[in-house]
Every structure is written in structure tokens, then in C-alpha cells.
Amino acid sequence: MANNIAPRILRRGLEFFALISLVGFGAMLLYGNNLQQFLRTMVSLKWGWVLVGVLLASHDWWGGGLRAWVMARHV
């Protein structure tokens, strides 16, 4: 039964995280009150570095999960 509940809880948590992230992104955009500068910045992003950041973050997620799995296995 726990296996049926866990994916649903994880999916809801991911949806909640995405919603909070979008609201926070929108709030910062409104708080900055400079839409033209924001759009210029988004166009001038170096997408290669964005990809590097995403790859580093995903390695951190995998490493953290692996660490938790190893520790839980021994405990």
C-alpha cells in the first residue's frame, strides 16, 4: 500500500514546488518593476552556462539520493 501512496505524494510535492517556484519568479519580476531590463537579460543569457548549472544541480540531487540510500541501508 505504501508503494501506491508514495508516487502520488511525490508528484504532489513536485507540483507544489513548481507552483511555489513560479509564484516566486513572478513576484521577483513584479518586485523588480523593470520588465524591459528583465527581457534584455533573459535574451542575453548564455544558455551553455544554464545547462552547466542544471547538470551540476542534477548531480547534487543524485549524489544526495545516493548518500541517503547508502546511509539508510546501513542503518
PDB file of N, CA and C in Angstrom:
ATOM      1  N   MET A   1       0.818  -1.196   0.000  1.00  0.00           N
ATOM      2  CA  MET A   1       0.000   0.000   0.000  1.00  0.00           C
ATOM      3  C   MET A   1       0.864   1.262   0.000  1.00  0.00           C
ATOM      4  N   ALA A   2       1.985   1.212   0.716  1.00  0.00           N
ATOM      5  CA  ALA A   2       2.858   2.385   0.762  1.00  0.00           C
ATOM      6  C   ALA A   2       3.418   2.709  -0.622  1.00  0.00           C
ATOM      7  N   ASN A   3       3.653   1.686  -1.442  1.00  0.00           N
ATOM      8  CA  ASN A   3       4.182   1.934  -2.775  1.00  0.00           C
ATOM      9  C   ASN A   3       3.177   2.666  -3.649  1.00  0.00           C
ATOM     10  N   ASN A   4       1.885   2.464  -3.428  1.00  0.00           N
ATOM     11  CA  ASN A   4       0.874   3.164  -4.212  1.00  0.00           C
ATOM     12  C   ASN A   4       0.722   4.614  -3.771  1.00  0.00           C
ATOM     13  N   ILE A   5       0.975   4.880  -2.512  1.00  0.00           N
ATOM     14  CA  ILE A   5       0.810   6.235  -1.986  1.00  0.00           C
ATOM     15  C   ILE A   5       2.029   7.097  -2.304  1.00  0.00           C
ATOM     16  N   ALA A   6       3.213   6.544  -2.227  1.00  0.00           N
ATOM     17  CA  ALA A   6       4.441   7.317  -2.368  1.00  0.00           C
ATOM     18  C   ALA A   6       4.543   8.072  -3.699  1.00  0.00           C
ATOM     19  N   PRO A   7       4.271   7.444  -4.868  1.00  0.00           N
ATOM     20  CA  PRO A   7       4.376   8.215  -6.111  1.00  0.00           C
ATOM     21  C   PRO A   7       3.394   9.383  -6.175  1.00  0.00           C
ATOM     22  N   ARG A   8       2.208   9.186  -5.606  1.00  0.00           N
ATOM     23  CA  ARG A   8       1.214  10.268  -5.615  1.00  0.00           C
ATOM     24  C   ARG A   8       1.694  11.430  -4.751  1.00  0.00           C
ATOM     25  N   ILE A   9       2.258  11.120  -3.594  1.00  0.00           N
ATOM     26  CA  ILE A   9       2.767  12.164  -2.709  1.00  0.00           C
ATOM     27  C   ILE A   9       3.946  12.883  -3.359  1.00  0.00           C
ATOM     28  N   LEU A  10       4.828  12.135  -3.994  1.00  0.00           N
ATOM     29  CA  LEU A  10       5.967  12.754  -4.677  1.00  0.00           C
ATOM     30  C   LEU A  10       5.505  13.659  -5.812  1.00  0.00           C
ATOM     31  N   ARG A  11       4.517  13.211  -6.569  1.00  0.00           N
ATOM     32  CA  ARG A  11       4.003  14.023  -7.677  1.00  0.00           C
ATOM     33  C   ARG A  11       3.388  15.312  -7.152  1.00  0.00           C
ATOM     34  N   ARG A  12       2.609  15.213  -6.085  1.00  0.00           N
ATOM     35  CA  ARG A  12       2.001  16.417  -5.500  1.00  0.00           C
ATOM     36  C   ARG A  12       3.077  17.367  -4.970  1.00  0.00           C
ATOM     37  N   GLY A  13       4.097  16.805  -4.334  1.00  0.00           N
ATOM     38  CA  GLY A  13       5.184  17.634  -3.834  1.00  0.00           C
ATOM     39  C   GLY A  13       5.918  18.352  -4.954  1.00  0.00           C
ATOM     40  N   LEU A  14       6.140  17.653  -6.067  1.00  0.00           N
ATOM     41  CA  LEU A  14       6.796  18.277  -7.217  1.00  0.00           C
ATOM     42  C   LEU A  14       5.922  19.378  -7.818  1.00  0.00           C
ATOM     43  N   GLU A  15       4.627  19.127  -7.916  1.00  0.00           N
ATOM     44  CA  GLU A  15       3.711  20.147  -8.430  1.00  0.00           C
ATOM     45  C   GLU A  15       3.689  21.363  -7.509  1.00  0.00           C
ATOM     46  N   PHE A  16       3.676  21.111  -6.201  1.00  0.00           N
ATOM     47  CA  PHE A  16       3.682  22.205  -5.227  1.00  0.00           C
ATOM     48  C   PHE A  16       4.965  23.011  -5.327  1.00  0.00           C
ATOM     49  N   PHE A  17       6.099  22.330  -5.468  1.00  0.00           N
ATOM     50  CA  PHE A  17       7.389  23.005  -5.614  1.00  0.00           C
ATOM     51  C   PHE A  17       7.417  23.860  -6.890  1.00  0.00           C
ATOM     52  N   ALA A  18       6.911  23.312  -7.991  1.00  0.00           N
ATOM     53  CA  ALA A  18       6.887  24.060  -9.247  1.00  0.00           C
ATOM     54  C   ALA A  18       5.999  25.298  -9.121  1.00  0.00           C
ATOM     55  N   LEU A  19       4.850  25.155  -8.468  1.00  0.00           N
ATOM     56  CA  LEU A  19       3.953  26.289  -8.286  1.00  0.00           C
ATOM     57  C   LEU A  19       4.605  27.373  -7.438  1.00  0.00           C
ATOM     58  N   ILE A  20       5.229  26.978  -6.341  1.00  0.00           N
ATOM     59  CA  ILE A  20       5.906  27.958  -5.482  1.00  0.00           C
ATOM     60  C   ILE A  20       7.038  28.647  -6.245  1.00  0.00           C
ATOM     61  N   SER A  21       7.772  27.891  -7.057  1.00  0.00           N
ATOM     62  CA  SER A  21       8.862  28.474  -7.834  1.00  0.00           C
ATOM     63  C   SER A  21       8.339  29.495  -8.839  1.00  0.00           C
ATOM     64  N   LEU A  22       7.249  29.160  -9.521  1.00  0.00           N
ATOM     65  CA  LEU A  22       6.670  30.099 -10.486  1.00  0.00           C
ATOM     66  C   LEU A  22       6.134  31.351  -9.803  1.00  0.00           C
ATOM     67  N   VAL A  23       5.484  31.183  -8.668  1.00  0.00           N
ATOM     68  CA  VAL A  23       4.975  32.344  -7.929  1.00  0.00           C
ATOM     69  C   VAL A  23       6.141  33.221  -7.463  1.00  0.00           C
ATOM     70  N   GLY A  24       7.198  32.603  -6.965  1.00  0.00           N
ATOM     71  CA  GLY A  24       8.365  33.361  -6.531  1.00  0.00           C
ATOM     72  C   GLY A  24       9.043  34.088  -7.686  1.00  0.00           C
ATOM     73  N   PHE A  25       9.138  33.416  -8.830  1.00  0.00           N
ATOM     74  CA  PHE A  25       9.729  34.033 -10.014  1.00  0.00           C
ATOM     75  C   PHE A  25       8.891  35.235 -10.453  1.00  0.00           C
ATOM     76  N   GLY A  26       7.579  35.058 -10.474  1.00  0.00           N
ATOM     77  CA  GLY A  26       6.680  36.159 -10.849  1.00  0.00           C
ATOM     78  C   GLY A  26       6.738  37.307  -9.859  1.00  0.00           C
ATOM     79  N   ALA A  27       6.823  36.982  -8.566  1.00  0.00           N
ATOM     80  CA  ALA A  27       6.903  38.028  -7.548  1.00  0.00           C
ATOM     81  C   ALA A  27       8.195  38.827  -7.694  1.00  0.00           C
ATOM     82  N   MET A  28       9.296  38.149  -7.967  1.00  0.00           N
ATOM     83  CA  MET A  28      10.554  38.876  -8.157  1.00  0.00           C
ATOM     84  C   MET A  28      10.501  39.748  -9.407  1.00  0.00           C
ATOM     85  N   LEU A  29       9.826  39.252 -10.436  1.00  0.00           N
ATOM     86  CA  LEU A  29       9.680  40.053 -11.652  1.00  0.00           C
ATOM     87  C   LEU A  29       8.869  41.310 -11.370  1.00  0.00           C
ATOM     88  N   LEU A  30       7.777  41.167 -10.638  1.00  0.00           N
ATOM     89  CA  LEU A  30       6.956  42.328 -10.299  1.00  0.00           C
ATOM     90  C   LEU A  30       7.666  43.256  -9.311  1.00  0.00           C
ATOM     91  N   TYR A  31       8.381  42.685  -8.370  1.00  0.00           N
ATOM     92  CA  TYR A  31       9.082  43.484  -7.372  1.00  0.00           C
ATOM     93  C   TYR A  31      10.194  44.303  -8.011  1.00  0.00           C
ATOM     94  N   GLY A  32      10.867  43.716  -9.005  1.00  0.00           N
ATOM     95  CA  GLY A  32      11.942  44.432  -9.690  1.00  0.00           C
ATOM     96  C   GLY A  32      11.428  45.622 -10.466  1.00  0.00           C
ATOM     97  N   ASN A  33      10.192  45.537 -10.959  1.00  0.00           N
ATOM     98  CA  ASN A  33       9.497  46.645 -11.619  1.00  0.00           C
ATOM     99  C   ASN A  33      10.270  47.194 -12.821  1.00  0.00           C
ATOM    100  N   ASN A  34      10.973  46.310 -13.560  1.00  0.00           N
ATOM    101  CA  ASN A  34      11.693  46.751 -14.741  1.00  0.00           C
ATOM    102  C   ASN A  34      11.623  45.628 -15.782  1.00  0.00           C
ATOM    103  N   LEU A  35      10.499  45.524 -16.457  1.00  0.00           N
ATOM    104  CA  LEU A  35      10.257  44.438 -17.396  1.00  0.00           C
ATOM    105  C   LEU A  35      11.224  44.486 -18.574  1.00  0.00           C
ATOM    106  N   GLN A  36      11.554  45.673 -19.066  1.00  0.00           N
ATOM    107  CA  GLN A  36      12.456  45.780 -20.209  1.00  0.00           C
ATOM    108  C   GLN A  36      13.837  45.224 -19.879  1.00  0.00           C
ATOM    109  N   GLN A  37      14.359  45.564 -18.710  1.00  0.00           N
ATOM    110  CA  GLN A  37      15.672  45.050 -18.320  1.00  0.00           C
ATOM    111  C   GLN A  37      15.619  43.542 -18.129  1.00  0.00           C
ATOM    112  N   PHE A  38      14.534  43.042 -17.565  1.00  0.00           N
ATOM    113  CA  PHE A  38      14.376  41.607 -17.381  1.00  0.00           C
ATOM    114  C   PHE A  38      14.405  40.883 -18.726  1.00  0.00           C
ATOM    115  N   LEU A  39      13.671  41.395 -19.698  1.00  0.00           N
ATOM    116  CA  LEU A  39      13.634  40.760 -21.018  1.00  0.00           C
ATOM    117  C   LEU A  39      14.991  40.820 -21.707  1.00  0.00           C
ATOM    118  N   ARG A  40      15.699  41.950 -21.577  1.00  0.00           N
ATOM    119  CA  ARG A  40      17.046  42.043 -22.154  1.00  0.00           C
ATOM    120  C   ARG A  40      17.990  41.039 -21.520  1.00  0.00           C
ATOM    121  N   THR A  41      17.861  40.876 -20.206  1.00  0.00           N
ATOM    122  CA  THR A  41      18.711  39.923 -19.501  1.00  0.00           C
ATOM    123  C   THR A  41      18.408  38.503 -19.934  1.00  0.00           C
ATOM    124  N   MET A  42      17.128  38.156 -20.077  1.00  0.00           N
ATOM    125  CA  MET A  42      16.756  36.803 -20.488  1.00  0.00           C
ATOM    126  C   MET A  42      17.277  36.490 -21.886  1.00  0.00           C
ATOM    127  N   VAL A  43      17.264  37.478 -22.776  1.00  0.00           N
ATOM    128  CA  VAL A  43      17.746  37.270 -24.144  1.00  0.00           C
ATOM    129  C   VAL A  43      19.263  37.099 -24.155  1.00  0.00           C
ATOM    130  N   SER A  44      19.957  37.798 -23.259  1.00  0.00           N
ATOM    131  CA  SER A  44      21.419  37.752 -23.278  1.00  0.00           C
ATOM    132  C   SER A  44      22.002  36.627 -22.423  1.00  0.00           C
ATOM    133  N   LEU A  45      21.160  35.766 -21.878  1.00  0.00           N
ATOM    134  CA  LEU A  45      21.678  34.646 -21.088  1.00  0.00           C
ATOM    135  C   LEU A  45      22.569  33.761 -21.944  1.00  0.00           C
ATOM    136  N   LYS A  46      23.603  33.258 -21.343  1.00  0.00           N
ATOM    137  CA  LYS A  46      24.468  32.288 -22.009  1.00  0.00           C
ATOM    138  C   LYS A  46      23.939  30.909 -21.654  1.00  0.00           C
ATOM    139  N   TRP A  47      23.187  30.315 -22.583  1.00  0.00           N
ATOM    140  CA  TRP A  47      22.447  29.091 -22.297  1.00  0.00           C
ATOM    141  C   TRP A  47      23.357  27.903 -22.021  1.00  0.00           C
ATOM    142  N   GLY A  48      24.584  27.966 -22.479  1.00  0.00           N
ATOM    143  CA  GLY A  48      25.539  26.913 -22.140  1.00  0.00           C
ATOM    144  C   GLY A  48      25.801  26.861 -20.643  1.00  0.00           C
ATOM    145  N   TRP A  49      25.900  28.046 -20.018  1.00  0.00           N
ATOM    146  CA  TRP A  49      26.128  28.103 -18.579  1.00  0.00           C
ATOM    147  C   TRP A  49      24.881  27.690 -17.806  1.00  0.00           C
ATOM    148  N   VAL A  50      23.717  27.974 -18.348  1.00  0.00           N
ATOM    149  CA  VAL A  50      22.477  27.498 -17.718  1.00  0.00           C
ATOM    150  C   VAL A  50      22.464  25.969 -17.716  1.00  0.00           C
ATOM    151  N   LEU A  51      22.875  25.366 -18.830  1.00  0.00           N
ATOM    152  CA  LEU A  51      22.941  23.911 -18.913  1.00  0.00           C
ATOM    153  C   LEU A  51      23.947  23.354 -17.905  1.00  0.00           C
ATOM    154  N   VAL A  52      25.092  24.015 -17.774  1.00  0.00           N
ATOM    155  CA  VAL A  52      26.095  23.582 -16.793  1.00  0.00           C
ATOM    156  C   VAL A  52      25.495  23.624 -15.384  1.00  0.00           C
ATOM    157  N   GLY A  53      24.759  24.672 -15.071  1.00  0.00           N
ATOM    158  CA  GLY A  53      24.129  24.783 -13.759  1.00  0.00           C
ATOM    159  C   GLY A  53      23.112  23.690 -13.512  1.00  0.00           C
ATOM    160  N   VAL A  54      22.314  23.382 -14.527  1.00  0.00           N
ATOM    161  CA  VAL A  54      21.318  22.312 -14.383  1.00  0.00           C
ATOM    162  C   VAL A  54      22.008  20.965 -14.197  1.00  0.00           C
ATOM    163  N   LEU A  55      23.076  20.728 -14.939  1.00  0.00           N
ATOM    164  CA  LEU A  55      23.810  19.473 -14.786  1.00  0.00           C
ATOM    165  C   LEU A  55      24.441  19.349 -13.405  1.00  0.00           C
ATOM    166  N   LEU A  56      25.018  20.437 -12.901  1.00  0.00           N
ATOM    167  CA  LEU A  56      25.593  20.401 -11.556  1.00  0.00           C
ATOM    168  C   LEU A  56      24.521  20.154 -10.497  1.00  0.00           C
ATOM    169  N   ALA A  57      23.364  20.802 -10.661  1.00  0.00           N
ATOM    170  CA  ALA A  57      22.279  20.592  -9.702  1.00  0.00           C
ATOM    171  C   ALA A  57      21.786  19.153  -9.743  1.00  0.00           C
ATOM    172  N   SER A  58      21.677  18.576 -10.943  1.00  0.00           N
ATOM    173  CA  SER A  58      21.198  17.198 -11.031  1.00  0.00           C
ATOM    174  C   SER A  58      22.209  16.228 -10.418  1.00  0.00           C
ATOM    175  N   HIS A  59      23.497  16.512 -10.559  1.00  0.00           N
ATOM    176  CA  HIS A  59      24.496  15.676  -9.903  1.00  0.00           C
ATOM    177  C   HIS A  59      24.361  15.766  -8.383  1.00  0.00           C
ATOM    178  N   ASP A  60      24.052  16.943  -7.891  1.00  0.00           N
ATOM    179  CA  ASP A  60      23.841  17.109  -6.456  1.00  0.00           C
ATOM    180  C   ASP A  60      22.625  16.301  -6.006  1.00  0.00           C
ATOM    181  N   TRP A  61      21.563  16.290  -6.795  1.00  0.00           N
ATOM    182  CA  TRP A  61      20.361  15.519  -6.442  1.00  0.00           C
ATOM    183  C   TRP A  61      20.683  14.030  -6.417  1.00  0.00           C
ATOM    184  N   TRP A  62      21.376  13.554  -7.446  1.00  0.00           N
ATOM    185  CA  TRP A  62      21.731  12.134  -7.496  1.00  0.00           C
ATOM    186  C   TRP A  62      22.670  11.771  -6.351  1.00  0.00           C
ATOM    187  N   GLY A  63      23.647  12.615  -6.107  1.00  0.00           N
ATOM    188  CA  GLY A  63      24.595  12.346  -5.021  1.00  0.00           C
ATOM    189  C   GLY A  63      23.913  12.343  -3.658  1.00  0.00           C
ATOM    190  N   GLY A  64      23.015  13.277  -3.435  1.00  0.00           N
ATOM    191  CA  GLY A  64      22.284  13.315  -2.169  1.00  0.00           C
ATOM    192  C   GLY A  64      21.399  12.093  -2.002  1.00  0.00           C
ATOM    193  N   GLY A  65      20.744  11.683  -3.084  1.00  0.00           N
ATOM    194  CA  GLY A  65      19.912  10.487  -3.026  1.00  0.00           C
ATOM    195  C   GLY A  65      20.730   9.240  -2.771  1.00  0.00           C
ATOM    196  N   LEU A  66      21.873   9.149  -3.419  1.00  0.00           N
ATOM    197  CA  LEU A  66      22.758   8.002  -3.215  1.00  0.00           C
ATOM    198  C   LEU A  66      23.272   7.965  -1.780  1.00  0.00           C
ATOM    199  N   ARG A  67      23.636   9.117  -1.262  1.00  0.00           N
ATOM    200  CA  ARG A  67      24.112   9.186   0.117  1.00  0.00           C
ATOM    201  C   ARG A  67      23.013   8.740   1.082  1.00  0.00           C
ATOM    202  N   ALA A  68      21.786   9.220   0.873  1.00  0.00           N
ATOM    203  CA  ALA A  68      20.680   8.817   1.746  1.00  0.00           C
ATOM    204  C   ALA A  68      20.411   7.316   1.624  1.00  0.00           C
ATOM    205  N   TRP A  69      20.505   6.785   0.415  1.00  0.00           N
ATOM    206  CA  TRP A  69      20.264   5.353   0.214  1.00  0.00           C
ATOM    207  C   TRP A  69      21.328   4.518   0.926  1.00  0.00           C
ATOM    208  N   VAL A  70      22.600   4.916   0.803  1.00  0.00           N
ATOM    209  CA  VAL A  70      23.679   4.180   1.454  1.00  0.00           C
ATOM    210  C   VAL A  70      23.538   4.237   2.965  1.00  0.00           C
ATOM    211  N   MET A  71      23.237   5.414   3.489  1.00  0.00           N
ATOM    212  CA  MET A  71      23.098   5.554   4.941  1.00  0.00           C
ATOM    213  C   MET A  71      21.897   4.779   5.455  1.00  0.00           C
ATOM    214  N   ALA A  72      20.776   4.836   4.739  1.00  0.00           N
ATOM    215  CA  ALA A  72      19.576   4.118   5.186  1.00  0.00           C
ATOM    216  C   ALA A  72      19.786   2.618   5.106  1.00  0.00           C
ATOM    217  N   ARG A  73      20.552   2.173   4.157  1.00  0.00           N
ATOM    218  CA  ARG A  73      20.799   0.731   4.010  1.00  0.00           C
ATOM    219  C   ARG A  73      21.586   0.200   5.195  1.00  0.00           C
ATOM    220  N   HIS A  74      22.527   0.984   5.711  1.00  0.00           N
ATOM    221  CA  HIS A  74      23.361   0.544   6.820  1.00  0.00           C
ATOM    222  C   HIS A  74      22.701   0.781   8.168  1.00  0.00           C
ATOM    223  N   VAL A  75      21.783   1.691   8.211  1.00  0.00           N
ATOM    224  CA  VAL A  75      21.082   1.976   9.488  1.00  0.00           C
ATOM    225  C   VAL A  75      19.886   1.067   9.535  1.00  0.00           C
TER     226      VAL A  75
END
